[in-house]
């Protein structure tokens, strides 16, 4: 009888926790998928704004401390980046997304986006670039914001 007591307690404990663990496991992927879809939409909105040279919606997608690191290593603050879009230093004409990889960890996320981008930047001619942008994002007051971006080709 002394051995039955701990077994019963363990079984009751498992019966109480197992449904909670199952619910948490089932709910998490669904919420994660919704957030991944939201982040993918933000990526598309970003490119639409860049192509339209509309810095107002672009400004709302970027964290106040946003930094873009170009493939040359040059760093641009949010203000510098928005000015470069607005004044034509960075000209984007089209972007076709080829691949998005998104990972979410609580209120932080990473997005690795690969797109064929037709652009003319820093006074150069129009070229199609296989542009890879690796972003970090954070969720602030219920919405995702881009915090950093690292540009390269693929």
Protein backbone atom coordinates (compact mmCIF):
# COMPACT_ATOMS: atom_id res chain seq x y z
CA UNK A 1 0.00 0.00 0.00
CA UNK A 2 2.87 2.39 0.64
CA UNK A 3 3.99 2.05 -3.00
CA UNK A 4 0.52 2.76 -4.39
CA UNK A 5 0.36 6.26 -2.88
CA UNK A 6 3.19 7.81 -4.95
CA UNK A 7 1.99 6.04 -8.10
CA UNK A 8 -1.52 7.44 -7.71
CA UNK A 9 -0.19 10.93 -7.07
CA UNK A 10 2.04 10.75 -10.15
CA UNK A 11 -0.82 9.45 -12.31
CA UNK A 12 -3.19 12.18 -11.07
CA UNK A 13 -0.47 14.76 -11.68
CA UNK A 14 0.09 13.51 -15.25
CA UNK A 15 -3.66 13.38 -15.96
CA UNK A 16 -4.00 17.00 -14.88
CA UNK A 17 -0.97 18.29 -16.79
CA UNK A 18 -1.17 16.23 -19.97
CA UNK A 19 -4.28 18.01 -21.34
CA UNK A 20 -2.71 21.39 -20.58
CA UNK A 21 0.52 20.44 -22.34
CA UNK A 22 -1.42 19.11 -25.34
CA UNK A 23 -3.45 22.35 -25.59
CA UNK A 24 -0.31 24.44 -25.36
CA UNK A 25 1.38 22.40 -28.07
CA UNK A 26 -1.65 22.61 -30.34
CA UNK A 27 -2.22 26.35 -29.85
CA UNK A 28 1.39 27.40 -30.27
CA UNK A 29 1.90 26.32 -33.92
CA UNK A 30 -1.39 27.97 -34.93
CA UNK A 31 -0.43 31.27 -33.30
CA UNK A 32 3.08 30.98 -34.67
CA UNK A 33 1.71 30.41 -38.19
CA UNK A 34 -0.50 33.51 -37.92
CA UNK A 35 2.47 35.57 -36.80
CA UNK A 36 4.65 34.19 -39.60
CA UNK A 37 1.95 35.18 -42.11
CA UNK A 38 1.82 38.65 -40.55
CA UNK A 39 5.61 39.03 -40.85
CA UNK A 40 5.50 37.83 -44.48
CA UNK A 41 2.86 40.51 -45.22
CA UNK A 42 5.11 43.14 -43.63
CA UNK A 43 7.96 42.07 -45.93
CA UNK A 44 5.70 42.53 -48.97
CA UNK A 45 4.44 45.89 -47.64
CA UNK A 46 8.03 47.01 -47.19
CA UNK A 47 8.89 46.29 -50.83
CA UNK A 48 5.69 47.95 -52.09
CA UNK A 49 6.55 51.09 -50.12
CA UNK A 50 10.17 51.05 -51.35
CA UNK A 51 9.04 50.74 -54.98
CA UNK A 52 6.46 53.53 -54.55
CA UNK A 53 9.04 55.68 -52.70
CA UNK A 54 6.37 56.06 -50.03
CA UNK A 55 8.37 56.51 -46.86
CA UNK A 56 5.33 56.99 -44.59
CA UNK A 57 4.26 53.32 -44.48
CA UNK A 58 7.91 52.27 -44.57
CA UNK A 59 8.57 54.45 -41.52
CA UNK A 60 5.76 52.70 -39.63
CA UNK A 61 7.31 49.25 -40.32
CA UNK A 62 10.74 50.16 -38.93
CA UNK A 63 11.74 50.40 -35.29
CA UNK A 64 13.06 53.81 -34.19
CA UNK A 65 16.55 52.28 -33.84
CA UNK A 66 16.41 50.38 -37.16
CA UNK A 67 19.76 49.87 -38.89
CA UNK A 68 20.36 48.57 -42.43
CA UNK A 69 23.76 47.07 -43.13
CA UNK A 70 24.43 47.11 -46.88
CA UNK A 71 26.44 44.39 -48.59
CA UNK A 72 29.38 46.82 -48.67
CA UNK A 73 29.27 47.03 -44.87
CA UNK A 74 27.87 50.56 -44.91
CA UNK A 75 25.39 51.15 -42.09
CA UNK A 76 22.31 53.34 -42.47
CA UNK A 77 20.07 54.47 -39.64
CA UNK A 78 16.33 54.55 -40.13
CA UNK A 79 16.44 58.27 -40.94
CA UNK A 80 19.27 57.85 -43.47
CA UNK A 81 17.57 54.88 -45.10
CA UNK A 82 14.23 56.68 -45.47
CA UNK A 83 15.99 59.76 -46.88
CA UNK A 84 17.84 57.59 -49.42
CA UNK A 85 14.54 56.04 -50.56
CA UNK A 86 12.85 59.45 -50.75
CA UNK A 87 15.62 61.28 -52.60
CA UNK A 88 16.33 58.55 -55.15
CA UNK A 89 19.70 57.38 -53.84
CA UNK A 90 18.03 53.98 -53.51
CA UNK A 91 15.65 53.31 -56.42
CA UNK A 92 13.59 50.13 -56.41
CA UNK A 93 11.46 49.21 -59.43
CA UNK A 94 10.24 45.67 -58.74
CA UNK A 95 10.73 42.78 -56.37
CA UNK A 96 9.71 39.15 -56.76
CA UNK A 97 9.91 37.12 -53.59
CA UNK A 98 11.50 33.72 -54.09
CA UNK A 99 11.84 32.49 -50.53
CA UNK A 100 10.97 33.54 -46.99
CA UNK A 101 12.21 31.79 -43.88
CA UNK A 102 10.69 33.08 -40.66
CA UNK A 103 11.44 31.98 -37.09
CA UNK A 104 9.68 33.32 -34.02
CA UNK A 105 10.89 33.18 -30.44
CA UNK A 106 8.47 35.00 -28.14
CA UNK A 107 8.51 38.69 -29.02
CA UNK A 108 11.55 38.34 -31.28
CA UNK A 109 11.70 37.01 -34.82
CA UNK A 110 14.06 36.58 -37.73
CA UNK A 111 13.15 36.78 -41.38
CA UNK A 112 15.47 35.64 -44.16
CA UNK A 113 13.99 36.94 -47.41
CA UNK A 114 15.30 36.26 -50.89
CA UNK A 115 13.91 38.30 -53.75
CA UNK A 116 14.86 39.23 -57.30
CA UNK A 117 14.99 43.01 -57.11
CA UNK A 118 15.27 45.45 -60.02
CA UNK A 119 17.06 48.48 -58.59
CA UNK A 120 19.42 51.36 -59.30
CA UNK A 121 21.34 52.34 -56.19
CA UNK A 122 23.94 54.95 -55.34
CA UNK A 123 24.02 56.36 -58.88
CA UNK A 124 24.53 53.02 -60.62
CA UNK A 125 22.47 51.67 -63.50
CA UNK A 126 19.40 49.48 -63.26
CA UNK A 127 20.24 45.89 -62.41
CA UNK A 128 18.38 42.84 -61.22
CA UNK A 129 19.84 41.71 -57.94
CA UNK A 130 19.29 38.39 -56.20
CA UNK A 131 18.89 40.28 -52.91
CA UNK A 132 18.92 38.55 -49.58
CA UNK A 133 17.73 40.58 -46.62
CA UNK A 134 18.11 39.07 -43.16
CA UNK A 135 15.95 40.90 -40.65
CA UNK A 136 15.45 40.84 -36.95
CA UNK A 137 12.06 41.93 -35.68
CA UNK A 138 10.49 42.56 -32.32
CA UNK A 139 6.88 42.64 -31.29
CA UNK A 140 5.99 45.94 -29.62
CA UNK A 141 2.49 46.85 -28.46
CA UNK A 142 0.95 44.07 -30.50
CA UNK A 143 2.76 44.68 -33.79
CA UNK A 144 5.98 43.52 -35.39
CA UNK A 145 8.70 46.05 -36.26
CA UNK A 146 11.88 45.52 -38.28
CA UNK A 147 14.86 46.27 -36.02
CA UNK A 148 17.85 45.38 -38.22
CA UNK A 149 18.48 44.30 -41.79
CA UNK A 150 21.60 42.75 -43.31
CA UNK A 151 21.78 42.86 -47.12
CA UNK A 152 23.70 40.42 -49.30
CA UNK A 153 23.24 38.56 -52.55
CA UNK A 154 22.47 34.88 -52.96
